[in-house]
C-alpha atoms as a PDB file:
ATOM      1  CA  MET A   1      -0.609  36.223 -18.921  1.00  0.00           C
ATOM      2  CA  CYS A   2      -3.182  33.624 -20.331  1.00  0.00           C
ATOM      3  CA  LEU A   3      -1.499  31.327 -22.867  1.00  0.00           C
ATOM      4  CA  SER A   4      -4.110  31.477 -25.239  1.00  0.00           C
ATOM      5  CA  ARG A   5      -4.041  35.680 -25.575  1.00  0.00           C
ATOM      6  CA  SER A   6      -0.406  35.187 -26.898  1.00  0.00           C
ATOM      7  CA  ILE A   7      -1.555  32.306 -29.446  1.00  0.00           C
ATOM      8  CA  ARG A   8      -2.895  33.112 -33.141  1.00  0.00           C
ATOM      9  CA  ASP A   9      -3.900  30.702 -35.966  1.00  0.00           C
ATOM     10  CA  ALA A  10      -0.872  29.996 -37.843  1.00  0.00           C
ATOM     11  CA  ARG A  11      -3.048  30.215 -41.083  1.00  0.00           C
ATOM     12  CA  THR A  12      -5.605  33.030 -40.426  1.00  0.00           C
ATOM     13  CA  GLY A  13      -3.441  35.247 -37.326  1.00  0.00           C
ATOM     14  CA  VAL A  14      -6.594  35.461 -36.073  1.00  0.00           C
ATOM     15  CA  SER A  15      -6.159  35.864 -32.177  1.00  0.00           C
ATOM     16  CA  THR A  16      -7.511  33.093 -29.929  1.00  0.00           C
ATOM     17  CA  ARG A  17      -8.604  35.454 -27.252  1.00  0.00           C
ATOM     18  CA  HIS A  18     -12.113  34.736 -27.537  1.00  0.00           C
ATOM     19  CA  PHE A  19     -11.570  31.138 -26.648  1.00  0.00           C
ATOM     20  CA  GLU A  20     -10.787  32.586 -22.863  1.00  0.00           C
ATOM     21  CA  LYS A  21     -14.470  32.457 -21.844  1.00  0.00           C
ATOM     22  CA  TRP A  22     -14.647  28.547 -22.263  1.00  0.00           C
ATOM     23  CA  GLU A  23     -11.259  28.074 -20.202  1.00  0.00           C
ATOM     24  CA  PRO A  24     -13.368  28.035 -16.889  1.00  0.00           C
ATOM     25  CA  GLN A  25     -15.570  25.771 -18.204  1.00  0.00           C
ATOM     26  CA  LEU A  26     -12.999  23.141 -19.583  1.00  0.00           C
ATOM     27  CA  ALA A  27     -11.001  23.552 -16.289  1.00  0.00           C
ATOM     28  CA  LYS A  28     -14.258  22.242 -14.770  1.00  0.00           C
ATOM     29  CA  THR A  29     -15.012  19.486 -17.172  1.00  0.00           C
ATOM     30  CA  LEU A  30     -11.252  18.358 -16.379  1.00  0.00           C
ATOM     31  CA  LEU A  31     -11.657  18.401 -12.890  1.00  0.00           C
ATOM     32  CA  TYR A  32     -14.995  16.434 -12.939  1.00  0.00           C
ATOM     33  CA  SER A  33     -13.162  13.716 -15.250  1.00  0.00           C
ATOM     34  CA  ALA A  34     -10.459  13.383 -12.562  1.00  0.00           C
ATOM     35  CA  SER A  35     -13.158  13.071  -9.855  1.00  0.00           C
ATOM     36  CA  LEU A  36     -14.844  10.593 -11.660  1.00  0.00           C
ATOM     37  CA  ALA A  37     -12.105   8.493 -12.672  1.00  0.00           C
ATOM     38  CA  ARG A  38     -10.735   8.251  -9.172  1.00  0.00           C
ATOM     39  CA  TRP A  39     -14.324   7.351  -7.868  1.00  0.00           C
ATOM     40  CA  LEU A  40     -14.513   4.471 -10.558  1.00  0.00           C
ATOM     41  CA  GLY A  41     -11.272   3.277  -9.386  1.00  0.00           C
ATOM     42  CA  LEU A  42     -11.794   3.092  -5.761  1.00  0.00           C
ATOM     43  CA  ARG A  43     -15.311   1.472  -6.656  1.00  0.00           C
ATOM     44  CA  TYR A  44     -13.369  -1.191  -8.793  1.00  0.00           C
ATOM     45  CA  ARG A  45     -11.138  -1.425  -5.765  1.00  0.00           C
ATOM     46  CA  HIS A  46     -14.012  -2.327  -3.234  1.00  0.00           C
ATOM     47  CA  TRP A  47     -15.150  -4.760  -5.709  1.00  0.00           C
ATOM     48  CA  ALA A  48     -12.462  -6.361  -6.339  1.00  0.00           C
ATOM     49  CA  LEU A  49     -11.030  -6.796  -2.879  1.00  0.00           C
ATOM     50  CA  GLY A  50     -14.297  -8.867  -2.082  1.00  0.00           C
ATOM     51  CA  ARG A  51     -14.086 -11.535  -5.023  1.00  0.00           C
ATOM     52  CA  ARG A  52     -10.532 -12.770  -5.297  1.00  0.00           C
ATOM     53  CA  PRO A  53      -9.468 -16.277  -5.546  1.00  0.00           C
ATOM     54  CA  ARG A  54      -9.128 -17.698  -2.416  1.00  0.00           C
ATOM     55  CA  THR A  55      -6.981 -20.893  -3.358  1.00  0.00           C
ATOM     56  CA  ILE A  56      -3.886 -21.606  -5.365  1.00  0.00           C
ATOM     57  CA  ALA A  57      -5.821 -24.138  -7.336  1.00  0.00           C
ATOM     58  CA  GLU A  58      -8.161 -21.370  -8.368  1.00  0.00           C
ATOM     59  CA  VAL A  59      -5.368 -19.480  -9.800  1.00  0.00           C
ATOM     60  CA  HIS A  60      -3.938 -22.016 -11.541  1.00  0.00           C
ATOM     61  CA  SER A  61      -7.136 -23.470 -12.962  1.00  0.00           C
ATOM     62  CA  TRP A  62      -7.978 -19.644 -14.248  1.00  0.00           C
ATOM     63  CA  ALA A  63      -4.556 -19.367 -15.673  1.00  0.00           C
ATOM     64  CA  MET A  64      -4.693 -22.729 -17.529  1.00  0.00           C
ATOM     65  CA  ALA A  65      -7.989 -21.666 -19.110  1.00  0.00           C
ATOM     66  CA  ASN A  66      -6.276 -18.312 -20.050  1.00  0.00           C
ATOM     67  CA  MET A  67      -3.461 -19.767 -21.777  1.00  0.00           C
ATOM     68  CA  ARG A  68      -5.721 -22.382 -23.587  1.00  0.00           C
ATOM     69  CA  ARG A  69      -8.069 -19.641 -24.904  1.00  0.00           C
ATOM     70  CA  ARG A  70      -4.979 -17.775 -26.870  1.00  0.00           C
ATOM     71  CA  ARG A  71      -3.969 -18.689 -30.039  1.00  0.00           C
ATOM     72  CA  TYR A  72      -0.475 -17.116 -29.970  1.00  0.00           C
ATOM     73  CA  CYS A  73       2.133 -16.262 -27.275  1.00  0.00           C
ATOM     74  CA  VAL A  74       5.670 -14.894 -26.996  1.00  0.00           C
ATOM     75  CA  VAL A  75       8.525 -17.076 -26.417  1.00  0.00           C
ATOM     76  CA  VAL A  76      11.626 -15.420 -24.735  1.00  0.00           C
ATOM     77  CA  THR A  77      15.112 -16.755 -24.903  1.00  0.00           C
ATOM     78  CA  VAL A  78      18.337 -15.310 -23.474  1.00  0.00           C
ATOM     79  CA  SER A  79      21.588 -15.585 -25.004  1.00  0.00           C
ATOM     80  CA  ASP A  80      24.708 -13.598 -23.945  1.00  0.00           C
ATOM     81  CA  GLY A  81      22.579 -11.944 -21.774  1.00  0.00           C
ATOM     82  CA  VAL A  82      20.526 -10.363 -24.505  1.00  0.00           C
ATOM     83  CA  ALA A  83      16.755 -11.317 -24.358  1.00  0.00           C
ATOM     84  CA  SER A  84      14.800 -12.143 -27.440  1.00  0.00           C
ATOM     85  CA  ALA A  85      11.109 -12.002 -28.290  1.00  0.00           C
ATOM     86  CA  ARG A  86       9.054 -13.885 -30.921  1.00  0.00           C
ATOM     87  CA  VAL A  87       5.536 -14.908 -31.592  1.00  0.00           C
ATOM     88  CA  VAL A  88       4.406 -18.268 -31.743  1.00  0.00           C
ATOM     89  CA  GLU A  89       1.273 -20.533 -32.322  1.00  0.00           C
ATOM     90  CA  PRO A  90       1.691 -23.265 -29.456  1.00  0.00           C
ATOM     91  CA  PHE A  91      -0.516 -26.092 -29.008  1.00  0.00           C
ATOM     92  CA  HIS A  92      -2.855 -26.041 -26.265  1.00  0.00           C
ATOM     93  CA  PRO A  93      -1.228 -27.500 -22.743  1.00  0.00           C
ATOM     94  CA  ASP A  94      -1.856 -31.040 -22.500  1.00  0.00           C
ATOM     95  CA  ARG A  95      -3.574 -32.563 -19.207  1.00  0.00           C
ATOM     96  CA  ASP A  96       0.113 -32.107 -17.364  1.00  0.00           C
ATOM     97  CA  GLY A  97       0.460 -28.933 -18.431  1.00  0.00           C
ATOM     98  CA  VAL A  98       3.200 -29.226 -21.025  1.00  0.00           C
ATOM     99  CA  ILE A  99       3.199 -26.777 -23.826  1.00  0.00           C
ATOM    100  CA  ARG A 100       4.515 -27.694 -27.349  1.00  0.00           C
ATOM    101  CA  PHE A 101       4.955 -25.681 -30.461  1.00  0.00           C
ATOM    102  CA  GLY A 102       6.388 -26.373 -34.102  1.00  0.00           C
ATOM    103  CA  THR A 103       9.282 -24.303 -35.522  1.00  0.00           C
ATOM    104  CA  ASP A 104      12.322 -24.629 -37.707  1.00  0.00           C
ATOM    105  CA  PRO A 105      15.304 -26.360 -35.665  1.00  0.00           C
ATOM    106  CA  ARG A 106      17.873 -23.899 -37.363  1.00  0.00           C
ATOM    107  CA  SER A 107      15.959 -20.935 -35.747  1.00  0.00           C
ATOM    108  CA  ARG A 108      17.944 -18.529 -33.227  1.00  0.00           C
ATOM    109  CA  LYS A 109      15.350 -19.112 -30.726  1.00  0.00           C
ATOM    110  CA  VAL A 110      15.973 -23.314 -31.110  1.00  0.00           C
ATOM    111  CA  ARG A 111      19.614 -22.562 -30.561  1.00  0.00           C
ATOM    112  CA  ASP A 112      19.001 -20.485 -27.344  1.00  0.00           C
ATOM    113  CA  MET A 113      16.904 -22.965 -25.750  1.00  0.00           C
ATOM    114  CA  VAL A 114      19.270 -25.883 -26.519  1.00  0.00           C
ATOM    115  CA  GLU A 115      21.947 -23.748 -24.709  1.00  0.00           C
ATOM    116  CA  SER A 116      20.026 -22.422 -21.912  1.00  0.00           C
ATOM    117  CA  GLY A 117      17.400 -25.767 -21.548  1.00  0.00           C
ATOM    118  CA  THR A 118      14.934 -22.846 -20.679  1.00  0.00           C
ATOM    119  CA  CYS A 119      12.365 -20.247 -22.168  1.00  0.00           C
ATOM    120  CA  LEU A 120       9.585 -17.990 -20.931  1.00  0.00           C
ATOM    121  CA  LEU A 121       6.313 -18.278 -22.604  1.00  0.00           C
ATOM    122  CA  VAL A 122       4.005 -14.908 -22.461  1.00  0.00           C
ATOM    123  CA  TYR A 123       0.089 -15.253 -22.680  1.00  0.00           C
ATOM    124  CA  GLU A 124      -1.405 -11.734 -22.948  1.00  0.00           C
ATOM    125  CA  ASP A 125      -5.036 -11.078 -23.030  1.00  0.00           C
ATOM    126  CA  ASP A 126      -6.245  -7.195 -23.524  1.00  0.00           C
ATOM    127  CA  ARG A 127      -9.719  -8.075 -23.458  1.00  0.00           C
ATOM    128  CA  ARG A 128      -9.503  -9.800 -20.125  1.00  0.00           C
ATOM    129  CA  ARG A 129      -6.800  -7.362 -18.713  1.00  0.00           C
ATOM    130  CA  SER A 130      -4.683 -10.251 -18.119  1.00  0.00           C
ATOM    131  CA  CYS A 131      -1.030 -11.805 -18.278  1.00  0.00           C
ATOM    132  CA  VAL A 132       0.497 -15.394 -17.357  1.00  0.00           C
ATOM    133  CA  SER A 133       4.133 -15.467 -18.040  1.00  0.00           C
ATOM    134  CA  VAL A 134       5.190 -19.249 -17.762  1.00  0.00           C
ATOM    135  CA  GLU A 135       8.880 -20.405 -16.912  1.00  0.00           C
ATOM    136  CA  CYS A 136       9.754 -23.315 -18.509  1.00  0.00           C
ATOM    137  CA  SER A 137      12.484 -26.093 -18.893  1.00  0.00           C
ATOM    138  CA  ALA A 138      12.758 -26.528 -22.715  1.00  0.00           C
ATOM    139  CA  SER A 139      13.904 -29.289 -24.931  1.00  0.00           C
ATOM    140  CA  ILE A 140      13.533 -30.630 -28.658  1.00  0.00           C
ATOM    141  CA  GLU A 141      10.910 -33.198 -28.616  1.00  0.00           C
ATOM    142  CA  PRO A 142      12.044 -36.590 -30.010  1.00  0.00           C
ATOM    143  CA  GLN A 143      10.672 -37.372 -33.566  1.00  0.00           C
ATOM    144  CA  MET A 144       7.401 -39.109 -33.515  1.00  0.00           C
ATOM    145  CA  SER A 145       5.470 -41.084 -36.259  1.00  0.00           C
ATOM    146  CA  ARG A 146       2.788 -38.646 -35.824  1.00  0.00           C
ATOM    147  CA  PRO A 147       4.138 -35.630 -34.866  1.00  0.00           C
ATOM    148  CA  TRP A 148       2.655 -32.406 -33.516  1.00  0.00           C
ATOM    149  CA  PHE A 149       1.551 -30.340 -36.965  1.00  0.00           C
ATOM    150  CA  LYS A 150      -0.976 -28.119 -37.665  1.00  0.00           C
ATOM    151  CA  ALA A 151      -2.440 -28.612 -41.097  1.00  0.00           C
ATOM    152  CA  ALA A 152      -2.429 -24.917 -41.986  1.00  0.00           C
ATOM    153  CA  TRP A 153       1.337 -24.957 -41.272  1.00  0.00           C
ATOM    154  CA  SER A 154       1.677 -26.548 -44.903  1.00  0.00           C
ATOM    155  CA  ALA A 155       1.877 -22.935 -46.000  1.00  0.00           C
ATOM    156  CA  PHE A 156       5.294 -22.998 -44.238  1.00  0.00           C
ATOM    157  CA  TRP A 157       6.146 -26.708 -44.565  1.00  0.00           C
ATOM    158  CA  PRO A 158       4.486 -27.695 -47.826  1.00  0.00           C
ATOM    159  CA  GLU A 159       6.001 -31.442 -47.631  1.00  0.00           C
ATOM    160  CA  GLY A 160       5.022 -31.659 -44.152  1.00  0.00           C
ATOM    161  CA  PRO A 161       7.217 -31.912 -41.096  1.00  0.00           C
ATOM    162  CA  GLY A 162      10.560 -33.229 -41.866  1.00  0.00           C
ATOM    163  CA  GLU A 163      14.041 -32.544 -41.269  1.00  0.00           C
ATOM    164  CA  ASP A 164      13.356 -28.848 -41.169  1.00  0.00           C
ATOM    165  CA  TYR A 165      10.686 -29.286 -38.743  1.00  0.00           C
ATOM    166  CA  ALA A 166      11.073 -29.469 -34.928  1.00  0.00           C
ATOM    167  CA  VAL A 167       8.888 -29.559 -31.911  1.00  0.00           C
ATOM    168  CA  ILE A 168      10.019 -27.635 -28.862  1.00  0.00           C
ATOM    169  CA  ARG A 169       8.736 -29.076 -25.553  1.00  0.00           C
ATOM    170  CA  CYS A 170       7.867 -26.743 -22.855  1.00  0.00           C
ATOM    171  CA  VAL A 171       7.586 -28.046 -19.252  1.00  0.00           C
ATOM    172  CA  PRO A 172       6.387 -25.353 -16.644  1.00  0.00           C
ATOM    173  CA  ARG A 173       8.212 -24.707 -13.378  1.00  0.00           C
ATOM    174  CA  ALA A 174       6.683 -21.522 -12.604  1.00  0.00           C
ATOM    175  CA  MET A 175       4.283 -19.046 -13.584  1.00  0.00           C
ATOM    176  CA  GLU A 176       3.368 -15.336 -12.525  1.00  0.00           C
ATOM    177  CA  VAL A 177      -0.408 -14.479 -13.136  1.00  0.00           C
ATOM    178  CA  TRP A 178      -2.044 -11.063 -13.046  1.00  0.00           C
ATOM    179  CA  ALA A 179      -5.749 -10.667 -14.279  1.00  0.00           C
ATOM    180  CA  GLY A 180      -7.766  -7.234 -13.710  1.00  0.00           C
ATOM    181  CA  LEU A 181     -11.356  -8.819 -14.397  1.00  0.00           C
ATOM    182  CA  ALA A 182     -10.575 -12.016 -12.675  1.00  0.00           C
ATOM    183  CA  VAL A 183      -8.955 -10.112  -9.705  1.00  0.00           C
ATOM    184  CA  ILE A 184      -5.799 -11.935  -9.320  1.00  0.00           C
ATOM    185  CA  ALA A 185      -3.864  -9.407  -8.141  1.00  0.00           C
ATOM    186  CA  PRO A 186      -2.188  -9.819  -4.359  1.00  0.00           C
ATOM    187  CA  ALA A 187      -1.320  -7.123  -1.995  1.00  0.00           C
ATOM    188  CA  PRO A 188      -0.333  -4.289  -2.458  1.00  0.00           C
ATOM    189  CA  PHE A 189      -3.634  -4.958  -4.665  1.00  0.00           C
ATOM    190  CA  GLY A 190      -2.903  -4.257  -8.253  1.00  0.00           C
ATOM    191  CA  ARG A 191       1.170  -4.104  -8.098  1.00  0.00           C
ATOM    192  CA  ARG A 192       2.204  -7.860  -8.225  1.00  0.00           C
ATOM    193  CA  SER A 193       1.553 -10.874  -9.893  1.00  0.00           C
ATOM    194  CA  VAL A 194       0.751 -13.878  -8.202  1.00  0.00           C
ATOM    195  CA  ARG A 195       3.705 -16.368  -8.426  1.00  0.00           C
ATOM    196  CA  LEU A 196       3.274 -20.043  -8.447  1.00  0.00           C
ATOM    197  CA  GLU A 197       5.911 -22.715  -8.503  1.00  0.00           C
ATOM    198  CA  ARG A 198       6.166 -26.305  -9.147  1.00  0.00           C
ATOM    199  CA  ARG A 199       7.597 -28.405  -6.366  1.00  0.00           C
ATOM    200  CA  ASP A 200       7.514 -32.063  -5.960  1.00  0.00           C
ATOM    201  CA  GLY A 201       4.264 -32.482  -8.632  1.00  0.00           C
ATOM    202  CA  GLU A 202       2.504 -29.814  -6.875  1.00  0.00           C
ATOM    203  CA  TRP A 203       1.806 -26.025  -7.285  1.00  0.00           C
ATOM    204  CA  VAL A 204       2.591 -23.859  -4.512  1.00  0.00           C
ATOM    205  CA  ALA A 205       2.535 -20.010  -4.068  1.00  0.00           C
ATOM    206  CA  PRO A 206       5.218 -18.901  -0.966  1.00  0.00           C
ATOM    207  CA  GLU A 207       3.529 -15.402  -0.962  1.00  0.00           C
ATOM    208  CA  PHE A 208      -0.023 -16.412  -1.508  1.00  0.00           C
ATOM    209  CA  PRO A 209      -1.832 -14.884   1.595  1.00  0.00           C
ATOM    210  CA  THR A 210      -4.907 -17.382   1.491  1.00  0.00           C
ATOM    211  CA  ALA A 211      -2.869 -20.666   0.235  1.00  0.00           C
ATOM    212  CA  GLY A 212      -4.330 -23.863   1.334  1.00  0.00           C
END
């Protein structure tokens, strides 16, 4: 028995049987939509496989540019086996790739980083359908005469940086990169990220098929 025959409008009590004539057309529309989605997916795959980055340098350069475009990132720390994530506003990576952000030294994330010496920074870009996750060694940077500080942060530190302000220095040691539009998606296509590791001052990718 068709489901629509047993349904009545909750307010009027009128049978929905007269909608049955639309069911074949609806089924055809849904089938067409599914077929179109599959066709578009296969067309994207064909297009993407021909324009993937060919070298580790290309992947790393794209990742750094993506990080510099983002105003915010998520910092993940672990304590007692439990991960915690927070949004922070980092400074852009410097020429050596080091990332810094300011925070209260009494915060839980600082305590976690001091204990573990590590953190994970996640830069997501929905518009470009991409994500860069950066595994870092993390430490509190020594006080400087002109510390890393943004003028807008006076809303939170009205007296400027003092004892209640710390700069966290994050030195990348590995990163995972996935990008739909830039087609950074190794085999099996689209199901994995490219993993880069910092070794002896160079970025390498053990599983990158066209590394060189």
